[in-house]
Amino acid sequence: MNIRKVVVVSLFLSVLGTAGPALAGEEVYGWQLMTPQERQEYQDRMKALKSEEERKVFLEQHRKEMQKRAEARGITLPDMGGAGHMDHHPQGSMGGGMGK
């Protein structure tokens, strides 16, 4: 592999590595109102939950908290449907593919 290809691949992977989490964060209800630390804690918590019922309870609590924050700031959050965005991710996975 020549140096030009190595540089291009390296740049692509570095951009992908930094853009991926930012784009995935936009799927979290109320992500605009969360700190980077809160987003990470959210992802960690979702991964740790074992059952669909636990995830539904957590998502509903999270949604209510984000709605309170939005109301306090005088903004309206976009509707993401259901109890949360993870309804279509039964394992609570944040990653994977190009999406729909």
C-alpha atoms as a PDB file:
ATOM      1  CA  MET A   1       0.000   0.000   0.000  1.00  0.00           C
ATOM      2  CA  ASN A   2       1.472   3.350  -0.928  1.00  0.00           C
ATOM      3  CA  ILE A   3       1.722   6.284   1.477  1.00  0.00           C
ATOM      4  CA  ARG A   4      -1.095   8.216  -0.211  1.00  0.00           C
ATOM      5  CA  LYS A   5      -3.567   5.374   0.435  1.00  0.00           C
ATOM      6  CA  VAL A   6      -2.388   5.071   4.049  1.00  0.00           C
ATOM      7  CA  VAL A   7      -2.943   8.789   4.620  1.00  0.00           C
ATOM      8  CA  VAL A   8      -6.397   8.752   3.020  1.00  0.00           C
ATOM      9  CA  VAL A   9      -7.505   5.705   5.011  1.00  0.00           C
ATOM     10  CA  SER A  10      -6.109   7.204   8.237  1.00  0.00           C
ATOM     11  CA  LEU A  11      -7.944  10.478   7.665  1.00  0.00           C
ATOM     12  CA  PHE A  12     -11.171   8.672   6.845  1.00  0.00           C
ATOM     13  CA  LEU A  13     -10.978   6.563  10.010  1.00  0.00           C
ATOM     14  CA  SER A  14     -10.206   9.568  12.197  1.00  0.00           C
ATOM     15  CA  VAL A  15     -13.193  11.491  10.802  1.00  0.00           C
ATOM     16  CA  LEU A  16     -15.430   8.448  11.173  1.00  0.00           C
ATOM     17  CA  GLY A  17     -14.272   7.982  14.762  1.00  0.00           C
ATOM     18  CA  THR A  18     -15.178  11.536  15.770  1.00  0.00           C
ATOM     19  CA  ALA A  19     -18.360  11.915  13.727  1.00  0.00           C
ATOM     20  CA  GLY A  20     -19.889   8.581  14.684  1.00  0.00           C
ATOM     21  CA  PRO A  21     -20.666   9.363  18.349  1.00  0.00           C
ATOM     22  CA  ALA A  22     -21.931  12.837  17.521  1.00  0.00           C
ATOM     23  CA  LEU A  23     -24.347  11.488  14.949  1.00  0.00           C
ATOM     24  CA  ALA A  24     -25.456   8.626  17.189  1.00  0.00           C
ATOM     25  CA  GLY A  25     -26.106  11.127  19.980  1.00  0.00           C
ATOM     26  CA  GLU A  26     -28.727  12.829  17.862  1.00  0.00           C
ATOM     27  CA  GLU A  27     -30.882   9.700  18.223  1.00  0.00           C
ATOM     28  CA  VAL A  28     -31.126  10.201  21.996  1.00  0.00           C
ATOM     29  CA  TYR A  29     -34.293  12.036  23.009  1.00  0.00           C
ATOM     30  CA  GLY A  30     -33.263  15.449  24.319  1.00  0.00           C
ATOM     31  CA  TRP A  31     -29.590  15.050  23.392  1.00  0.00           C
ATOM     32  CA  GLN A  32     -29.459  18.813  22.762  1.00  0.00           C
ATOM     33  CA  LEU A  33     -30.073  19.382  26.478  1.00  0.00           C
ATOM     34  CA  MET A  34     -27.504  16.866  27.710  1.00  0.00           C
ATOM     35  CA  THR A  35     -23.832  17.334  28.490  1.00  0.00           C
ATOM     36  CA  PRO A  36     -21.318  15.013  26.822  1.00  0.00           C
ATOM     37  CA  GLN A  37     -20.923  13.259  30.175  1.00  0.00           C
ATOM     38  CA  GLU A  38     -24.687  12.749  30.443  1.00  0.00           C
ATOM     39  CA  ARG A  39     -24.786  11.318  26.922  1.00  0.00           C
ATOM     40  CA  GLN A  40     -22.056   8.845  27.808  1.00  0.00           C
ATOM     41  CA  GLU A  41     -23.829   7.889  31.037  1.00  0.00           C
ATOM     42  CA  TYR A  42     -27.045   7.391  29.046  1.00  0.00           C
ATOM     43  CA  GLN A  43     -25.304   5.051  26.598  1.00  0.00           C
ATOM     44  CA  ASP A  44     -23.606   3.146  29.411  1.00  0.00           C
ATOM     45  CA  ARG A  45     -26.894   2.749  31.259  1.00  0.00           C
ATOM     46  CA  MET A  46     -28.732   1.527  28.146  1.00  0.00           C
ATOM     47  CA  LYS A  47     -26.047  -1.074  27.515  1.00  0.00           C
ATOM     48  CA  ALA A  48     -26.229  -2.261  31.134  1.00  0.00           C
ATOM     49  CA  LEU A  49     -30.004  -2.779  31.205  1.00  0.00           C
ATOM     50  CA  LYS A  50     -30.905  -6.430  30.736  1.00  0.00           C
ATOM     51  CA  SER A  51     -34.579  -6.511  29.811  1.00  0.00           C
ATOM     52  CA  GLU A  52     -36.890  -4.701  27.448  1.00  0.00           C
ATOM     53  CA  GLU A  53     -39.027  -3.706  30.443  1.00  0.00           C
ATOM     54  CA  GLU A  54     -36.027  -2.090  32.197  1.00  0.00           C
ATOM     55  CA  ARG A  55     -35.215  -0.149  29.033  1.00  0.00           C
ATOM     56  CA  LYS A  56     -38.807   1.056  28.656  1.00  0.00           C
ATOM     57  CA  VAL A  57     -38.892   2.303  32.246  1.00  0.00           C
ATOM     58  CA  PHE A  58     -35.530   4.040  31.859  1.00  0.00           C
ATOM     59  CA  LEU A  59     -36.531   5.623  28.542  1.00  0.00           C
ATOM     60  CA  GLU A  60     -39.781   6.940  29.970  1.00  0.00           C
ATOM     61  CA  GLN A  61     -37.948   8.464  32.957  1.00  0.00           C
ATOM     62  CA  HIS A  62     -35.367   9.985  30.639  1.00  0.00           C
ATOM     63  CA  ARG A  63     -38.058  11.395  28.352  1.00  0.00           C
ATOM     64  CA  LYS A  64     -39.845  13.047  31.284  1.00  0.00           C
ATOM     65  CA  GLU A  65     -36.580  14.567  32.536  1.00  0.00           C
ATOM     66  CA  MET A  66     -35.745  15.966  29.091  1.00  0.00           C
ATOM     67  CA  GLN A  67     -39.258  17.404  28.767  1.00  0.00           C
ATOM     68  CA  LYS A  68     -38.832  19.154  32.133  1.00  0.00           C
ATOM     69  CA  ARG A  69     -35.510  20.613  30.992  1.00  0.00           C
ATOM     70  CA  ALA A  70     -37.005  21.765  27.703  1.00  0.00           C
ATOM     71  CA  GLU A  71     -39.965  23.385  29.449  1.00  0.00           C
ATOM     72  CA  ALA A  72     -37.652  25.178  31.873  1.00  0.00           C
ATOM     73  CA  ARG A  73     -35.752  26.603  28.892  1.00  0.00           C
ATOM     74  CA  GLY A  74     -38.883  27.460  26.938  1.00  0.00           C
ATOM     75  CA  ILE A  75     -38.196  25.118  24.037  1.00  0.00           C
ATOM     76  CA  THR A  76     -40.037  22.214  22.437  1.00  0.00           C
ATOM     77  CA  LEU A  77     -38.228  18.967  21.728  1.00  0.00           C
ATOM     78  CA  PRO A  78     -38.911  17.220  18.425  1.00  0.00           C
ATOM     79  CA  ASP A  79     -41.090  14.131  18.770  1.00  0.00           C
ATOM     80  CA  MET A  80     -39.039  10.995  18.265  1.00  0.00           C
ATOM     81  CA  GLY A  81     -41.973   8.637  18.708  1.00  0.00           C
ATOM     82  CA  GLY A  82     -42.750   6.043  21.362  1.00  0.00           C
ATOM     83  CA  ALA A  83     -41.240   5.963  24.843  1.00  0.00           C
ATOM     84  CA  GLY A  84     -37.835   6.649  23.311  1.00  0.00           C
ATOM     85  CA  HIS A  85     -35.665   6.209  20.289  1.00  0.00           C
ATOM     86  CA  MET A  86     -34.489   2.730  21.260  1.00  0.00           C
ATOM     87  CA  ASP A  87     -37.845   1.086  20.527  1.00  0.00           C
ATOM     88  CA  HIS A  88     -36.376  -0.350  17.350  1.00  0.00           C
ATOM     89  CA  HIS A  89     -33.122  -1.465  19.049  1.00  0.00           C
ATOM     90  CA  PRO A  90     -34.153  -4.437  21.185  1.00  0.00           C
ATOM     91  CA  GLN A  91     -30.648  -4.913  22.572  1.00  0.00           C
ATOM     92  CA  GLY A  92     -30.183  -1.230  23.351  1.00  0.00           C
ATOM     93  CA  SER A  93     -27.375  -0.993  20.823  1.00  0.00           C
ATOM     94  CA  MET A  94     -26.216   2.456  19.817  1.00  0.00           C
ATOM     95  CA  GLY A  95     -24.187   1.380  16.825  1.00  0.00           C
ATOM     96  CA  GLY A  96     -24.529  -0.330  13.537  1.00  0.00           C
ATOM     97  CA  GLY A  97     -24.721   0.453   9.898  1.00  0.00           C
ATOM     98  CA  MET A  98     -25.849   3.351   7.819  1.00  0.00           C
ATOM     99  CA  GLY A  99     -29.359   3.479   9.194  1.00  0.00           C
ATOM    100  CA  LYS A 100     -32.628   3.703   7.313  1.00  0.00           C
END
